[in-house]
Amino acid sequence: MSQASSSKDPVNRLVIYRPKPGKLADLEAIVKRHGSVLRTAGLITDDPVRVYRGTDLRSPDAGAFLVEHFQWRDGAASDIAHQLPEVMAVWETMGAHLADMTLITLEAIG
């Protein structure tokens, strides 16, 4: 099922944040705020926003990273988020702390 055909359905988003060296704590504080900003703006469902700290078992020297899982209320919510100053204020502060970020849309298969 494509996002276009289910634009009114919630969209599961998984984000992997890879911090710059020495920036994990700062990035963690920002990511912890992220969900409440999206919720206040009415952009995500009532499902809890989950944030995890992870390490890659195959590359333990790569350092810790953060994983965030949340559900956009629908297919248009992420586009709307780019137009809201309160959301952009959070996203813009992430840049100084990020080495890389991966955005994943999850679709249930069973």
C-alpha atoms as a PDB file:
ATOM      1  CA  MET A   1       0.000   0.000   0.000  1.00  0.00           C
ATOM      2  CA  SER A   2       1.539   3.307  -1.019  1.00  0.00           C
ATOM      3  CA  GLN A   3       1.369   6.454   1.031  1.00  0.00           C
ATOM      4  CA  ALA A   4      -0.536   8.176  -1.798  1.00  0.00           C
ATOM      5  CA  SER A   5      -3.327   5.586  -1.760  1.00  0.00           C
ATOM      6  CA  SER A   6      -3.703   5.830   2.009  1.00  0.00           C
ATOM      7  CA  SER A   7      -3.263   9.559   2.519  1.00  0.00           C
ATOM      8  CA  LYS A   8      -6.022   9.604   5.151  1.00  0.00           C
ATOM      9  CA  ASP A   9      -4.505   6.685   7.060  1.00  0.00           C
ATOM     10  CA  PRO A  10      -1.867   7.119   9.770  1.00  0.00           C
ATOM     11  CA  VAL A  11       1.736   6.815   8.591  1.00  0.00           C
ATOM     12  CA  ASN A  12       4.262   4.967  10.778  1.00  0.00           C
ATOM     13  CA  ARG A  13       7.580   6.792  10.833  1.00  0.00           C
ATOM     14  CA  LEU A  14      10.861   5.490  12.168  1.00  0.00           C
ATOM     15  CA  VAL A  15      13.724   7.971  12.357  1.00  0.00           C
ATOM     16  CA  ILE A  16      17.331   7.025  13.047  1.00  0.00           C
ATOM     17  CA  TYR A  17      19.402   9.929  14.328  1.00  0.00           C
ATOM     18  CA  ARG A  18      23.188   9.519  14.217  1.00  0.00           C
ATOM     19  CA  PRO A  19      24.824  12.246  16.306  1.00  0.00           C
ATOM     20  CA  LYS A  20      28.090  13.981  15.660  1.00  0.00           C
ATOM     21  CA  PRO A  21      30.840  12.945  18.113  1.00  0.00           C
ATOM     22  CA  GLY A  22      30.113  14.328  21.571  1.00  0.00           C
ATOM     23  CA  LYS A  23      26.599  15.478  20.635  1.00  0.00           C
ATOM     24  CA  LEU A  24      24.473  12.511  21.767  1.00  0.00           C
ATOM     25  CA  ALA A  25      23.185  14.132  24.981  1.00  0.00           C
ATOM     26  CA  ASP A  26      22.267  17.390  23.221  1.00  0.00           C
ATOM     27  CA  LEU A  27      20.519  15.541  20.404  1.00  0.00           C
ATOM     28  CA  GLU A  28      18.697  13.305  22.879  1.00  0.00           C
ATOM     29  CA  ALA A  29      17.248  16.338  24.653  1.00  0.00           C
ATOM     30  CA  ILE A  30      15.950  17.727  21.348  1.00  0.00           C
ATOM     31  CA  VAL A  31      14.482  14.414  20.182  1.00  0.00           C
ATOM     32  CA  LYS A  32      12.708  13.948  23.528  1.00  0.00           C
ATOM     33  CA  ARG A  33      10.904  17.302  22.899  1.00  0.00           C
ATOM     34  CA  HIS A  34      10.081  16.497  19.291  1.00  0.00           C
ATOM     35  CA  GLY A  35       7.036  14.305  19.940  1.00  0.00           C
ATOM     36  CA  SER A  36       5.317  16.768  22.238  1.00  0.00           C
ATOM     37  CA  VAL A  37       5.735  19.533  19.656  1.00  0.00           C
ATOM     38  CA  LEU A  38       4.227  17.339  16.928  1.00  0.00           C
ATOM     39  CA  ARG A  39       1.377  16.294  19.248  1.00  0.00           C
ATOM     40  CA  THR A  40       0.570  19.887  20.281  1.00  0.00           C
ATOM     41  CA  ALA A  41       0.437  20.811  16.584  1.00  0.00           C
ATOM     42  CA  GLY A  42      -2.059  17.973  16.000  1.00  0.00           C
ATOM     43  CA  LEU A  43       0.204  16.207  13.510  1.00  0.00           C
ATOM     44  CA  ILE A  44       0.529  12.775  15.117  1.00  0.00           C
ATOM     45  CA  THR A  45      -1.877  10.158  16.421  1.00  0.00           C
ATOM     46  CA  ASP A  46      -2.521   9.415  20.078  1.00  0.00           C
ATOM     47  CA  ASP A  47      -0.094   6.484  19.921  1.00  0.00           C
ATOM     48  CA  PRO A  48       2.907   7.088  22.161  1.00  0.00           C
ATOM     49  CA  VAL A  49       6.085   8.479  20.658  1.00  0.00           C
ATOM     50  CA  ARG A  50       8.904   6.110  21.511  1.00  0.00           C
ATOM     51  CA  VAL A  51      12.566   7.133  21.646  1.00  0.00           C
ATOM     52  CA  TYR A  52      15.382   4.619  22.060  1.00  0.00           C
ATOM     53  CA  ARG A  53      19.144   4.819  22.390  1.00  0.00           C
ATOM     54  CA  GLY A  54      20.818   2.141  20.311  1.00  0.00           C
ATOM     55  CA  THR A  55      24.166   0.700  19.339  1.00  0.00           C
ATOM     56  CA  ASP A  56      25.042  -1.411  16.318  1.00  0.00           C
ATOM     57  CA  LEU A  57      26.193  -4.841  17.501  1.00  0.00           C
ATOM     58  CA  ARG A  58      28.295  -5.220  14.358  1.00  0.00           C
ATOM     59  CA  SER A  59      29.935  -1.806  14.730  1.00  0.00           C
ATOM     60  CA  PRO A  60      30.045  -1.076  18.473  1.00  0.00           C
ATOM     61  CA  ASP A  61      32.788   1.523  17.995  1.00  0.00           C
ATOM     62  CA  ALA A  62      30.454   3.600  15.814  1.00  0.00           C
ATOM     63  CA  GLY A  63      28.853   4.985  18.961  1.00  0.00           C
ATOM     64  CA  ALA A  64      25.279   5.271  20.123  1.00  0.00           C
ATOM     65  CA  PHE A  65      22.433   6.618  18.033  1.00  0.00           C
ATOM     66  CA  LEU A  66      18.779   7.434  18.657  1.00  0.00           C
ATOM     67  CA  VAL A  67      15.698   5.819  17.172  1.00  0.00           C
ATOM     68  CA  GLU A  68      12.303   7.513  17.281  1.00  0.00           C
ATOM     69  CA  HIS A  69       9.005   5.899  16.311  1.00  0.00           C
ATOM     70  CA  PHE A  70       5.763   7.826  15.927  1.00  0.00           C
ATOM     71  CA  GLN A  71       2.678   7.891  13.750  1.00  0.00           C
ATOM     72  CA  TRP A  72       1.795  10.850  11.543  1.00  0.00           C
ATOM     73  CA  ARG A  73      -1.983  11.383  11.666  1.00  0.00           C
ATOM     74  CA  ASP A  74      -2.142  11.038   7.849  1.00  0.00           C
ATOM     75  CA  GLY A  75      -0.088  11.284   4.681  1.00  0.00           C
ATOM     76  CA  ALA A  76      -0.206  15.104   4.627  1.00  0.00           C
ATOM     77  CA  ALA A  77       0.989  15.715   8.199  1.00  0.00           C
ATOM     78  CA  SER A  78       4.719  15.704   7.460  1.00  0.00           C
ATOM     79  CA  ASP A  79       4.241  18.274   4.681  1.00  0.00           C
ATOM     80  CA  ILE A  80       2.206  20.458   7.037  1.00  0.00           C
ATOM     81  CA  ALA A  81       4.946  20.149   9.669  1.00  0.00           C
ATOM     82  CA  HIS A  82       7.391  21.869   7.302  1.00  0.00           C
ATOM     83  CA  GLN A  83       5.101  24.918   7.311  1.00  0.00           C
ATOM     84  CA  LEU A  84       4.820  25.292  11.096  1.00  0.00           C
ATOM     85  CA  PRO A  85       7.353  27.535  12.853  1.00  0.00           C
ATOM     86  CA  GLU A  86       7.130  25.566  16.113  1.00  0.00           C
ATOM     87  CA  VAL A  87       8.078  22.319  14.363  1.00  0.00           C
ATOM     88  CA  MET A  88      10.774  23.938  12.228  1.00  0.00           C
ATOM     89  CA  ALA A  89      12.280  25.457  15.381  1.00  0.00           C
ATOM     90  CA  VAL A  90      12.893  21.926  16.697  1.00  0.00           C
ATOM     91  CA  TRP A  91      14.078  20.483  13.386  1.00  0.00           C
ATOM     92  CA  GLU A  92      16.499  23.352  12.766  1.00  0.00           C
ATOM     93  CA  THR A  93      18.182  22.860  16.154  1.00  0.00           C
ATOM     94  CA  MET A  94      18.876  19.208  15.304  1.00  0.00           C
ATOM     95  CA  GLY A  95      21.215  20.026  12.420  1.00  0.00           C
ATOM     96  CA  ALA A  96      24.146  21.152  14.542  1.00  0.00           C
ATOM     97  CA  HIS A  97      24.115  17.815  16.372  1.00  0.00           C
ATOM     98  CA  LEU A  98      23.444  15.393  13.493  1.00  0.00           C
ATOM     99  CA  ALA A  99      25.985  13.469  11.455  1.00  0.00           C
ATOM    100  CA  ASP A 100      23.215  11.600   9.629  1.00  0.00           C
ATOM    101  CA  MET A 101      19.495  10.914   9.765  1.00  0.00           C
ATOM    102  CA  THR A 102      17.423   8.169   8.157  1.00  0.00           C
ATOM    103  CA  LEU A 103      13.661   8.573   7.625  1.00  0.00           C
ATOM    104  CA  ILE A 104      11.759   5.320   7.249  1.00  0.00           C
ATOM    105  CA  THR A 105       8.083   4.763   6.508  1.00  0.00           C
ATOM    106  CA  LEU A 106       6.910   1.470   7.983  1.00  0.00           C
ATOM    107  CA  GLU A 107       4.050  -0.499   6.457  1.00  0.00           C
ATOM    108  CA  ALA A 108       2.525  -3.432   8.338  1.00  0.00           C
ATOM    109  CA  ILE A 109       2.639  -6.672   6.368  1.00  0.00           C
ATOM    110  CA  GLY A 110       0.741  -8.932   8.678  1.00  0.00           C
END
